[in-house]
Amino acid sequence: MTDDHRTPLRSSGSDREHAKSVPDTPQTRAPSYKLAFTDDDFLCRDELRPVRWQLELMKPEILMDAADVVSTVVMFGGARIPEPAHKDRARTQTLAELTAFYDEARHFARIVTERSMAQGGSENVIVTGGGPGVMEAGNRGAQDAGGRSVGLNIVLPHEQAPNPYVTPDLCFNFHYFATRKMHFLMRASAITVFPGGFGTLDEMFEALTLIQTGRMKKVPFLLFGRDFWTRIIDWEALSDAGTISPADLDLFRFVDSAEEALAAMDDWDGAGEVREEIPGR
């Protein structure tokens, strides 16, 4: 690493390299002698949690800025939904039926990426959690279009490698769920939610809460699979109970296909008209 010529001061990178060649003595072998920013054990101390959180916030931000990722289309969805060719591996009959959403997610990501590339490739870049299932389908669809996509992975108790379709230079790994969710939403121009489990529900409701409370601007918010979402969540019951307002049902729209989703994104001002379409209303 060369010195940063924007400042006359010696760079931290130069000192890091120089430290590798210091004489081997009891003093230089002591943990206290390590440069603080090269000392993994020190950085993992409980007291350094705020620093680690800040690093997780800054690293993807800096690298995505450098890659000119201006805005993103977020794709949330279940890791357990396989592609239709492998539906026989699904744990339940319902999961086997939900494999259709793998293809729909892949198709949606492809057409969104094609449009993004036609406009320069900096806007509406696909971002997923970087894992299997619907996430893999999203990154795969972007690759089908010859474009790039972001993967926001997280360290889990069971081993999880990024899916092979994430653009390598836009593949990130997180320790903190909170920081990861911030990066999902910081550049979001639209949010799509495919069928999924606890993680998908968590991501969906946090994003809806931020929009509902005015902490995030209203963006197209699309739930893929009307039958799934109206069966899993009784949206009208929340409104009827008064725990949400009827207007909160206007924050999202159900779609069943990639083309329907794209049309909804293009005509989001009309989203309030669809509340009457929710079954049971």
C-alpha atoms as a PDB file:
ATOM      1  CA  MET A   1       0.000   0.000   0.000  1.00  0.00           C
ATOM      2  CA  THR A   2       1.349   3.405  -0.920  1.00  0.00           C
ATOM      3  CA  ASP A   3       1.125   6.477   1.242  1.00  0.00           C
ATOM      4  CA  ASP A   4      -1.944   8.671   0.830  1.00  0.00           C
ATOM      5  CA  HIS A   5      -0.671  11.735  -1.040  1.00  0.00           C
ATOM      6  CA  ARG A   6      -3.583  13.825   0.192  1.00  0.00           C
ATOM      7  CA  THR A   7      -1.723  14.228   3.485  1.00  0.00           C
ATOM      8  CA  PRO A   8       1.958  14.637   4.326  1.00  0.00           C
ATOM      9  CA  LEU A   9       1.523  12.192   7.210  1.00  0.00           C
ATOM     10  CA  ARG A  10       2.705   8.616   6.925  1.00  0.00           C
ATOM     11  CA  SER A  11      -0.180   6.239   6.159  1.00  0.00           C
ATOM     12  CA  SER A  12      -1.447   3.511   8.446  1.00  0.00           C
ATOM     13  CA  GLY A  13      -0.933   1.017   5.617  1.00  0.00           C
ATOM     14  CA  SER A  14       2.768   1.823   5.470  1.00  0.00           C
ATOM     15  CA  ASP A  15       3.125   1.359   9.212  1.00  0.00           C
ATOM     16  CA  ARG A  16       1.266  -1.926   9.043  1.00  0.00           C
ATOM     17  CA  GLU A  17       3.757  -3.236   6.488  1.00  0.00           C
ATOM     18  CA  HIS A  18       6.729  -1.850   8.415  1.00  0.00           C
ATOM     19  CA  ALA A  19       5.552  -3.579  11.600  1.00  0.00           C
ATOM     20  CA  LYS A  20       5.964  -6.953   9.922  1.00  0.00           C
ATOM     21  CA  SER A  21       9.726  -6.448   9.659  1.00  0.00           C
ATOM     22  CA  VAL A  22      10.580  -5.260  13.173  1.00  0.00           C
ATOM     23  CA  PRO A  23      13.130  -7.332  15.124  1.00  0.00           C
ATOM     24  CA  ASP A  24      11.730 -10.329  16.982  1.00  0.00           C
ATOM     25  CA  THR A  25      12.147  -9.558  20.680  1.00  0.00           C
ATOM     26  CA  PRO A  26      10.114 -10.252  23.840  1.00  0.00           C
ATOM     27  CA  GLN A  27       8.833  -6.707  23.604  1.00  0.00           C
ATOM     28  CA  THR A  28       7.714  -6.888  19.969  1.00  0.00           C
ATOM     29  CA  ARG A  29       6.085 -10.295  20.549  1.00  0.00           C
ATOM     30  CA  ALA A  30       3.903  -8.921  23.338  1.00  0.00           C
ATOM     31  CA  PRO A  31       0.239  -8.332  22.358  1.00  0.00           C
ATOM     32  CA  SER A  32       0.456  -4.802  23.716  1.00  0.00           C
ATOM     33  CA  TYR A  33       3.000  -3.896  21.012  1.00  0.00           C
ATOM     34  CA  LYS A  34       0.687  -4.655  18.082  1.00  0.00           C
ATOM     35  CA  LEU A  35      -0.778  -1.704  16.245  1.00  0.00           C
ATOM     36  CA  ALA A  36      -4.301  -1.411  17.583  1.00  0.00           C
ATOM     37  CA  PHE A  37      -5.939  -1.626  14.159  1.00  0.00           C
ATOM     38  CA  THR A  38      -4.041  -4.837  13.270  1.00  0.00           C
ATOM     39  CA  ASP A  39      -4.733  -6.567  16.595  1.00  0.00           C
ATOM     40  CA  ASP A  40      -7.672  -8.926  16.014  1.00  0.00           C
ATOM     41  CA  ASP A  41      -7.917  -9.954  19.650  1.00  0.00           C
ATOM     42  CA  PHE A  42      -8.070  -6.328  20.744  1.00  0.00           C
ATOM     43  CA  LEU A  43     -10.712  -5.443  18.129  1.00  0.00           C
ATOM     44  CA  CYS A  44     -12.893  -8.335  19.338  1.00  0.00           C
ATOM     45  CA  ARG A  45     -12.968  -7.158  22.962  1.00  0.00           C
ATOM     46  CA  ASP A  46     -16.425  -6.354  24.350  1.00  0.00           C
ATOM     47  CA  GLU A  47     -15.402  -2.732  24.871  1.00  0.00           C
ATOM     48  CA  LEU A  48     -14.759  -2.359  21.133  1.00  0.00           C
ATOM     49  CA  ARG A  49     -18.322  -3.246  20.109  1.00  0.00           C
ATOM     50  CA  PRO A  50     -19.152   0.371  19.096  1.00  0.00           C
ATOM     51  CA  VAL A  51     -16.043   0.441  16.891  1.00  0.00           C
ATOM     52  CA  ARG A  52     -16.916  -2.879  15.250  1.00  0.00           C
ATOM     53  CA  TRP A  53     -20.469  -1.659  14.626  1.00  0.00           C
ATOM     54  CA  GLN A  54     -19.146   1.505  13.012  1.00  0.00           C
ATOM     55  CA  LEU A  55     -16.760  -0.485  10.823  1.00  0.00           C
ATOM     56  CA  GLU A  56     -19.632  -2.677   9.630  1.00  0.00           C
ATOM     57  CA  LEU A  57     -21.584   0.440   8.791  1.00  0.00           C
ATOM     58  CA  MET A  58     -18.721   2.160   6.992  1.00  0.00           C
ATOM     59  CA  LYS A  59     -17.099  -0.635   4.990  1.00  0.00           C
ATOM     60  CA  PRO A  60     -20.084  -1.510   2.742  1.00  0.00           C
ATOM     61  CA  GLU A  61     -20.996   2.178   2.479  1.00  0.00           C
ATOM     62  CA  ILE A  62     -17.532   3.161   1.257  1.00  0.00           C
ATOM     63  CA  LEU A  63     -17.222   0.235  -1.148  1.00  0.00           C
ATOM     64  CA  MET A  64     -20.694   0.667  -2.625  1.00  0.00           C
ATOM     65  CA  ASP A  65     -20.037   4.380  -3.083  1.00  0.00           C
ATOM     66  CA  ALA A  66     -16.793   3.501  -4.867  1.00  0.00           C
ATOM     67  CA  ALA A  67     -18.691   1.041  -7.069  1.00  0.00           C
ATOM     68  CA  ASP A  68     -21.268   3.738  -7.897  1.00  0.00           C
ATOM     69  CA  VAL A  69     -24.227   1.847  -6.470  1.00  0.00           C
ATOM     70  CA  VAL A  70     -26.636   4.751  -6.088  1.00  0.00           C
ATOM     71  CA  SER A  71     -29.929   2.975  -5.414  1.00  0.00           C
ATOM     72  CA  THR A  72     -31.112  -0.596  -4.959  1.00  0.00           C
ATOM     73  CA  VAL A  73     -34.147  -2.821  -5.356  1.00  0.00           C
ATOM     74  CA  VAL A  74     -34.354  -4.974  -2.246  1.00  0.00           C
ATOM     75  CA  MET A  75     -35.376  -8.620  -2.489  1.00  0.00           C
ATOM     76  CA  PHE A  76     -36.313 -10.318   0.799  1.00  0.00           C
ATOM     77  CA  GLY A  77     -37.376 -13.967   0.790  1.00  0.00           C
ATOM     78  CA  GLY A  78     -36.964 -17.437   2.182  1.00  0.00           C
ATOM     79  CA  ALA A  79     -33.675 -19.321   2.125  1.00  0.00           C
ATOM     80  CA  ARG A  80     -35.507 -22.662   2.148  1.00  0.00           C
ATOM     81  CA  ILE A  81     -37.314 -22.235  -1.175  1.00  0.00           C
ATOM     82  CA  PRO A  82     -35.401 -24.295  -3.771  1.00  0.00           C
ATOM     83  CA  GLU A  83     -35.541 -23.834  -7.510  1.00  0.00           C
ATOM     84  CA  PRO A  84     -38.304 -25.872  -9.201  1.00  0.00           C
ATOM     85  CA  ALA A  85     -35.798 -28.390 -10.587  1.00  0.00           C
ATOM     86  CA  HIS A  86     -35.068 -29.381  -6.989  1.00  0.00           C
ATOM     87  CA  LYS A  87     -38.596 -29.207  -5.610  1.00  0.00           C
ATOM     88  CA  ASP A  88     -38.299 -32.870  -4.591  1.00  0.00           C
ATOM     89  CA  ARG A  89     -35.846 -31.673  -1.908  1.00  0.00           C
ATOM     90  CA  ALA A  90     -38.435 -29.380  -0.318  1.00  0.00           C
ATOM     91  CA  ARG A  91     -39.233 -30.253   3.306  1.00  0.00           C
ATOM     92  CA  THR A  92     -42.985 -29.827   2.886  1.00  0.00           C
ATOM     93  CA  GLN A  93     -45.572 -29.896   0.139  1.00  0.00           C
ATOM     94  CA  THR A  94     -46.138 -26.175   0.612  1.00  0.00           C
ATOM     95  CA  LEU A  95     -42.427 -25.459   0.101  1.00  0.00           C
ATOM     96  CA  ALA A  96     -42.544 -27.516  -3.074  1.00  0.00           C
ATOM     97  CA  GLU A  97     -45.417 -25.356  -4.309  1.00  0.00           C
ATOM     98  CA  LEU A  98     -43.554 -22.182  -3.365  1.00  0.00           C
ATOM     99  CA  THR A  99     -40.666 -23.099  -5.682  1.00  0.00           C
ATOM    100  CA  ALA A 100     -42.525 -21.164  -8.377  1.00  0.00           C
ATOM    101  CA  PHE A 101     -41.413 -18.013  -6.577  1.00  0.00           C
ATOM    102  CA  TYR A 102     -37.757 -18.930  -7.180  1.00  0.00           C
ATOM    103  CA  ASP A 103     -38.348 -18.578 -10.920  1.00  0.00           C
ATOM    104  CA  GLU A 104     -40.458 -15.440 -10.423  1.00  0.00           C
ATOM    105  CA  ALA A 105     -37.743 -13.840  -8.285  1.00  0.00           C
ATOM    106  CA  ARG A 106     -35.108 -14.721 -10.865  1.00  0.00           C
ATOM    107  CA  HIS A 107     -37.238 -13.293 -13.669  1.00  0.00           C
ATOM    108  CA  PHE A 108     -37.987 -10.124 -11.694  1.00  0.00           C
ATOM    109  CA  ALA A 109     -34.302  -9.529 -10.927  1.00  0.00           C
ATOM    110  CA  ARG A 110     -33.392 -10.052 -14.562  1.00  0.00           C
ATOM    111  CA  ILE A 111     -35.842  -7.511 -15.962  1.00  0.00           C
ATOM    112  CA  VAL A 112     -35.043  -4.969 -13.228  1.00  0.00           C
ATOM    113  CA  THR A 113     -31.327  -5.350 -13.982  1.00  0.00           C
ATOM    114  CA  GLU A 114     -31.863  -5.045 -17.724  1.00  0.00           C
ATOM    115  CA  ARG A 115     -33.679  -1.780 -17.167  1.00  0.00           C
ATOM    116  CA  SER A 116     -30.989  -0.601 -14.732  1.00  0.00           C
ATOM    117  CA  MET A 117     -28.204  -1.342 -17.218  1.00  0.00           C
ATOM    118  CA  ALA A 118     -30.054   0.523 -19.950  1.00  0.00           C
ATOM    119  CA  GLN A 119     -29.968   3.563 -17.657  1.00  0.00           C
ATOM    120  CA  GLY A 120     -26.300   3.292 -16.747  1.00  0.00           C
ATOM    121  CA  GLY A 121     -26.330   0.537 -14.132  1.00  0.00           C
ATOM    122  CA  SER A 122     -26.024   2.700 -11.009  1.00  0.00           C
ATOM    123  CA  GLU A 123     -29.709   2.878 -10.100  1.00  0.00           C
ATOM    124  CA  ASN A 124     -31.944   0.025  -8.965  1.00  0.00           C
ATOM    125  CA  VAL A 125     -29.189  -2.524  -8.426  1.00  0.00           C
ATOM    126  CA  ILE A 126     -30.562  -5.781  -7.027  1.00  0.00           C
ATOM    127  CA  VAL A 127     -29.648  -6.479  -3.396  1.00  0.00           C
ATOM    128  CA  THR A 128     -30.377  -9.712  -1.513  1.00  0.00           C
ATOM    129  CA  GLY A 129     -29.203 -11.393   1.651  1.00  0.00           C
ATOM    130  CA  GLY A 130     -26.672 -13.273  -0.444  1.00  0.00           C
ATOM    131  CA  GLY A 131     -27.813 -16.726   0.672  1.00  0.00           C
ATOM    132  CA  PRO A 132     -29.746 -19.586  -0.946  1.00  0.00           C
ATOM    133  CA  GLY A 133     -33.388 -19.803  -2.005  1.00  0.00           C
ATOM    134  CA  VAL A 134     -35.087 -16.585  -3.096  1.00  0.00           C
ATOM    135  CA  MET A 135     -31.867 -14.677  -2.399  1.00  0.00           C
ATOM    136  CA  GLU A 136     -29.956 -16.873  -4.823  1.00  0.00           C
ATOM    137  CA  ALA A 137     -32.692 -16.412  -7.415  1.00  0.00           C
ATOM    138  CA  GLY A 138     -32.368 -12.626  -7.166  1.00  0.00           C
ATOM    139  CA  ASN A 139     -28.611 -12.574  -7.642  1.00  0.00           C
ATOM    140  CA  ARG A 140     -28.910 -15.193 -10.374  1.00  0.00           C
ATOM    141  CA  GLY A 141     -31.446 -13.134 -12.299  1.00  0.00           C
ATOM    142  CA  ALA A 142     -29.143 -10.119 -12.220  1.00  0.00           C
ATOM    143  CA  GLN A 143     -26.317 -12.269 -13.549  1.00  0.00           C
ATOM    144  CA  ASP A 144     -28.633 -13.625 -16.280  1.00  0.00           C
ATOM    145  CA  ALA A 145     -29.009 -10.033 -17.469  1.00  0.00           C
ATOM    146  CA  GLY A 146     -25.231  -9.548 -17.514  1.00  0.00           C
ATOM    147  CA  GLY A 147     -25.437  -7.123 -14.621  1.00  0.00           C
ATOM    148  CA  ARG A 148     -24.223  -6.897 -11.068  1.00  0.00           C
ATOM    149  CA  SER A 149     -25.938  -7.405  -7.734  1.00  0.00           C
ATOM    150  CA  VAL A 150     -25.225  -6.963  -4.039  1.00  0.00           C
ATOM    151  CA  GLY A 151     -25.211  -9.711  -1.411  1.00  0.00           C
ATOM    152  CA  LEU A 152     -25.440  -8.866   2.300  1.00  0.00           C
ATOM    153  CA  ASN A 153     -24.464 -12.108   4.035  1.00  0.00           C
ATOM    154  CA  ILE A 154     -24.336 -12.686   7.778  1.00  0.00           C
ATOM    155  CA  VAL A 155     -22.404 -15.112   9.964  1.00  0.00           C
ATOM    156  CA  LEU A 156     -24.803 -17.785  11.241  1.00  0.00           C
ATOM    157  CA  PRO A 157     -24.314 -20.693  13.657  1.00  0.00           C
ATOM    158  CA  HIS A 158     -24.668 -23.101  10.740  1.00  0.00           C
ATOM    159  CA  GLU A 159     -22.199 -22.496   7.940  1.00  0.00           C
ATOM    160  CA  GLN A 160     -23.503 -20.393   5.072  1.00  0.00           C
ATOM    161  CA  ALA A 161     -21.421 -19.359   2.091  1.00  0.00           C
ATOM    162  CA  PRO A 162     -22.614 -16.642  -0.281  1.00  0.00           C
ATOM    163  CA  ASN A 163     -24.453 -17.959  -3.294  1.00  0.00           C
ATOM    164  CA  PRO A 164     -22.260 -18.039  -6.422  1.00  0.00           C
ATOM    165  CA  TYR A 165     -24.245 -15.382  -8.299  1.00  0.00           C
ATOM    166  CA  VAL A 166     -23.431 -12.385  -6.084  1.00  0.00           C
ATOM    167  CA  THR A 167     -21.014  -9.933  -7.722  1.00  0.00           C
ATOM    168  CA  PRO A 168     -17.780 -10.712  -5.812  1.00  0.00           C
ATOM    169  CA  ASP A 169     -16.787  -7.094  -5.219  1.00  0.00           C
ATOM    170  CA  LEU A 170     -20.290  -6.389  -3.862  1.00  0.00           C
ATOM    171  CA  CYS A 171     -20.442  -9.372  -1.515  1.00  0.00           C
ATOM    172  CA  PHE A 172     -20.383  -8.348   2.160  1.00  0.00           C
ATOM    173  CA  ASN A 173     -20.426 -10.251   5.443  1.00  0.00           C
ATOM    174  CA  PHE A 174     -21.912  -9.004   8.714  1.00  0.00           C
ATOM    175  CA  HIS A 175     -21.814  -9.825  12.398  1.00  0.00           C
ATOM    176  CA  TYR A 176     -24.657  -7.478  13.397  1.00  0.00           C
ATOM    177  CA  PHE A 177     -28.166  -8.034  12.041  1.00  0.00           C
ATOM    178  CA  ALA A 178     -29.023  -4.397  12.774  1.00  0.00           C
ATOM    179  CA  THR A 179     -26.219  -3.031  10.579  1.00  0.00           C
ATOM    180  CA  ARG A 180     -27.093  -5.448   7.792  1.00  0.00           C
ATOM    181  CA  LYS A 181     -30.727  -4.325   7.827  1.00  0.00           C
ATOM    182  CA  MET A 182     -29.627  -0.700   7.671  1.00  0.00           C
ATOM    183  CA  HIS A 183     -27.664  -1.430   4.499  1.00  0.00           C
ATOM    184  CA  PHE A 184     -30.697  -3.132   2.962  1.00  0.00           C
ATOM    185  CA  LEU A 185     -32.695   0.068   3.356  1.00  0.00           C
ATOM    186  CA  MET A 186     -30.197   2.934   3.056  1.00  0.00           C
ATOM    187  CA  ARG A 187     -30.282   2.887  -0.765  1.00  0.00           C
ATOM    188  CA  ALA A 188     -33.674   1.240  -1.321  1.00  0.00           C
ATOM    189  CA  SER A 189     -35.778   2.615  -4.160  1.00  0.00           C
ATOM    190  CA  ALA A 190     -38.188  -0.339  -3.893  1.00  0.00           C
ATOM    191  CA  ILE A 191     -38.688  -3.287  -1.535  1.00  0.00           C
ATOM    192  CA  THR A 192     -39.979  -6.695  -2.581  1.00  0.00           C
ATOM    193  CA  VAL A 193     -40.867  -9.475  -0.174  1.00  0.00           C
ATOM    194  CA  PHE A 194     -41.241 -13.079  -1.300  1.00  0.00           C
ATOM    195  CA  PRO A 195     -42.559 -15.908   0.881  1.00  0.00           C
ATOM    196  CA  GLY A 196     -40.235 -16.719   3.759  1.00  0.00           C
ATOM    197  CA  GLY A 197     -39.864 -17.412   7.446  1.00  0.00           C
ATOM    198  CA  PHE A 198     -38.826 -15.551  10.596  1.00  0.00           C
ATOM    199  CA  GLY A 199     -35.984 -13.666   8.903  1.00  0.00           C
ATOM    200  CA  THR A 200     -38.179 -12.495   6.033  1.00  0.00           C
ATOM    201  CA  LEU A 201     -40.959 -11.465   8.415  1.00  0.00           C
ATOM    202  CA  ASP A 202     -38.481  -9.563  10.576  1.00  0.00           C
ATOM    203  CA  GLU A 203     -37.093  -7.688   7.588  1.00  0.00           C
ATOM    204  CA  MET A 204     -40.540  -6.949   6.189  1.00  0.00           C
ATOM    205  CA  PHE A 205     -42.030  -5.612   9.423  1.00  0.00           C
ATOM    206  CA  GLU A 206     -38.988  -3.525  10.313  1.00  0.00           C
ATOM    207  CA  ALA A 207     -39.105  -1.844   6.907  1.00  0.00           C
ATOM    208  CA  LEU A 208     -42.869  -1.312   7.143  1.00  0.00           C
ATOM    209  CA  THR A 209     -42.455   0.161  10.635  1.00  0.00           C
ATOM    210  CA  LEU A 210     -39.829   2.624   9.423  1.00  0.00           C
ATOM    211  CA  ILE A 211     -42.132   3.764   6.623  1.00  0.00           C
ATOM    212  CA  GLN A 212     -45.218   3.843   8.855  1.00  0.00           C
ATOM    213  CA  THR A 213     -43.446   6.036  11.429  1.00  0.00           C
ATOM    214  CA  GLY A 214     -41.917   8.376   8.875  1.00  0.00           C
ATOM    215  CA  ARG A 215     -38.371   7.239   9.564  1.00  0.00           C
ATOM    216  CA  MET A 216     -38.056   6.196   5.923  1.00  0.00           C
ATOM    217  CA  LYS A 217     -39.641   7.634   2.832  1.00  0.00           C
ATOM    218  CA  LYS A 218     -42.430   5.728   1.128  1.00  0.00           C
ATOM    219  CA  VAL A 219     -41.109   3.499  -1.626  1.00  0.00           C
ATOM    220  CA  PRO A 220     -42.840   0.797  -3.680  1.00  0.00           C
ATOM    221  CA  PHE A 221     -43.388  -2.077  -1.235  1.00  0.00           C
ATOM    222  CA  LEU A 222     -44.464  -5.263  -2.967  1.00  0.00           C
ATOM    223  CA  LEU A 223     -45.481  -8.576  -1.415  1.00  0.00           C
ATOM    224  CA  PHE A 224     -45.102 -11.413  -3.921  1.00  0.00           C
ATOM    225  CA  GLY A 225     -47.808 -14.045  -3.486  1.00  0.00           C
ATOM    226  CA  ARG A 226     -51.181 -12.692  -2.418  1.00  0.00           C
ATOM    227  CA  ASP A 227     -52.464 -16.124  -1.319  1.00  0.00           C
ATOM    228  CA  PHE A 228     -49.410 -16.740   0.853  1.00  0.00           C
ATOM    229  CA  TRP A 229     -49.380 -13.362   2.586  1.00  0.00           C
ATOM    230  CA  THR A 230     -53.137 -13.142   3.221  1.00  0.00           C
ATOM    231  CA  ARG A 231     -53.058 -16.648   4.689  1.00  0.00           C
ATOM    232  CA  ILE A 232     -50.003 -16.048   6.901  1.00  0.00           C
ATOM    233  CA  ILE A 233     -51.014 -12.583   8.180  1.00  0.00           C
ATOM    234  CA  ASP A 234     -54.516 -11.304   8.838  1.00  0.00           C
ATOM    235  CA  TRP A 235     -53.880  -7.745   7.725  1.00  0.00           C
ATOM    236  CA  GLU A 236     -57.519  -6.723   8.029  1.00  0.00           C
ATOM    237  CA  ALA A 237     -57.670  -7.977  11.623  1.00  0.00           C
ATOM    238  CA  LEU A 238     -54.861  -5.582  12.555  1.00  0.00           C
ATOM    239  CA  SER A 239     -56.766  -2.711  10.982  1.00  0.00           C
ATOM    240  CA  ASP A 240     -60.130  -3.732  12.490  1.00  0.00           C
ATOM    241  CA  ALA A 241     -58.521  -4.034  15.929  1.00  0.00           C
ATOM    242  CA  GLY A 242     -57.134  -0.533  15.622  1.00  0.00           C
ATOM    243  CA  THR A 243     -53.537  -1.642  16.213  1.00  0.00           C
ATOM    244  CA  ILE A 244     -52.747  -0.180  12.802  1.00  0.00           C
ATOM    245  CA  SER A 245     -54.725   2.429  10.913  1.00  0.00           C
ATOM    246  CA  PRO A 246     -56.646   1.587   7.716  1.00  0.00           C
ATOM    247  CA  ALA A 247     -54.222   3.865   5.847  1.00  0.00           C
ATOM    248  CA  ASP A 248     -51.343   1.588   6.844  1.00  0.00           C
ATOM    249  CA  LEU A 249     -52.756  -1.024   4.468  1.00  0.00           C
ATOM    250  CA  ASP A 250     -51.848   1.383   1.675  1.00  0.00           C
ATOM    251  CA  LEU A 251     -48.127   1.076   2.436  1.00  0.00           C
ATOM    252  CA  PHE A 252     -47.816  -2.168   0.472  1.00  0.00           C
ATOM    253  CA  ARG A 253     -49.311  -3.941  -2.513  1.00  0.00           C
ATOM    254  CA  PHE A 254     -49.718  -7.600  -3.402  1.00  0.00           C
ATOM    255  CA  VAL A 255     -48.318  -8.833  -6.714  1.00  0.00           C
ATOM    256  CA  ASP A 256     -48.065 -12.285  -8.237  1.00  0.00           C
ATOM    257  CA  SER A 257     -45.693 -11.816 -11.149  1.00  0.00           C
ATOM    258  CA  ALA A 258     -42.547  -9.933 -12.115  1.00  0.00           C
ATOM    259  CA  GLU A 259     -44.425  -7.927 -14.726  1.00  0.00           C
ATOM    260  CA  GLU A 260     -47.103  -6.943 -12.223  1.00  0.00           C
ATOM    261  CA  ALA A 261     -44.390  -5.876  -9.785  1.00  0.00           C
ATOM    262  CA  LEU A 262     -42.634  -3.730 -12.376  1.00  0.00           C
ATOM    263  CA  ALA A 263     -45.927  -2.071 -13.315  1.00  0.00           C
ATOM    264  CA  ALA A 264     -46.614  -1.364  -9.635  1.00  0.00           C
ATOM    265  CA  MET A 265     -43.183   0.212  -9.215  1.00  0.00           C
ATOM    266  CA  ASP A 266     -43.851   2.463 -12.195  1.00  0.00           C
ATOM    267  CA  ASP A 267     -47.300   3.479 -10.929  1.00  0.00           C
ATOM    268  CA  TRP A 268     -46.722   3.588  -7.192  1.00  0.00           C
ATOM    269  CA  ASP A 269     -48.801   6.740  -6.686  1.00  0.00           C
ATOM    270  CA  GLY A 270     -51.848   4.586  -7.323  1.00  0.00           C
ATOM    271  CA  ALA A 271     -51.029   2.129  -4.549  1.00  0.00           C
ATOM    272  CA  GLY A 272     -53.764   3.449  -2.288  1.00  0.00           C
ATOM    273  CA  GLU A 273     -56.418   2.176  -4.704  1.00  0.00           C
ATOM    274  CA  VAL A 274     -55.605  -1.480  -4.047  1.00  0.00           C
ATOM    275  CA  ARG A 275     -56.719  -1.704  -0.423  1.00  0.00           C
ATOM    276  CA  GLU A 276     -60.185  -2.784  -1.497  1.00  0.00           C
ATOM    277  CA  GLU A 277     -58.665  -5.840  -3.194  1.00  0.00           C
ATOM    278  CA  ILE A 278     -57.491  -7.441   0.059  1.00  0.00           C
ATOM    279  CA  PRO A 279     -59.637 -10.574   0.576  1.00  0.00           C
ATOM    280  CA  GLY A 280     -62.312 -10.228   3.225  1.00  0.00           C
ATOM    281  CA  ARG A 281     -62.637  -6.473   3.005  1.00  0.00           C
END
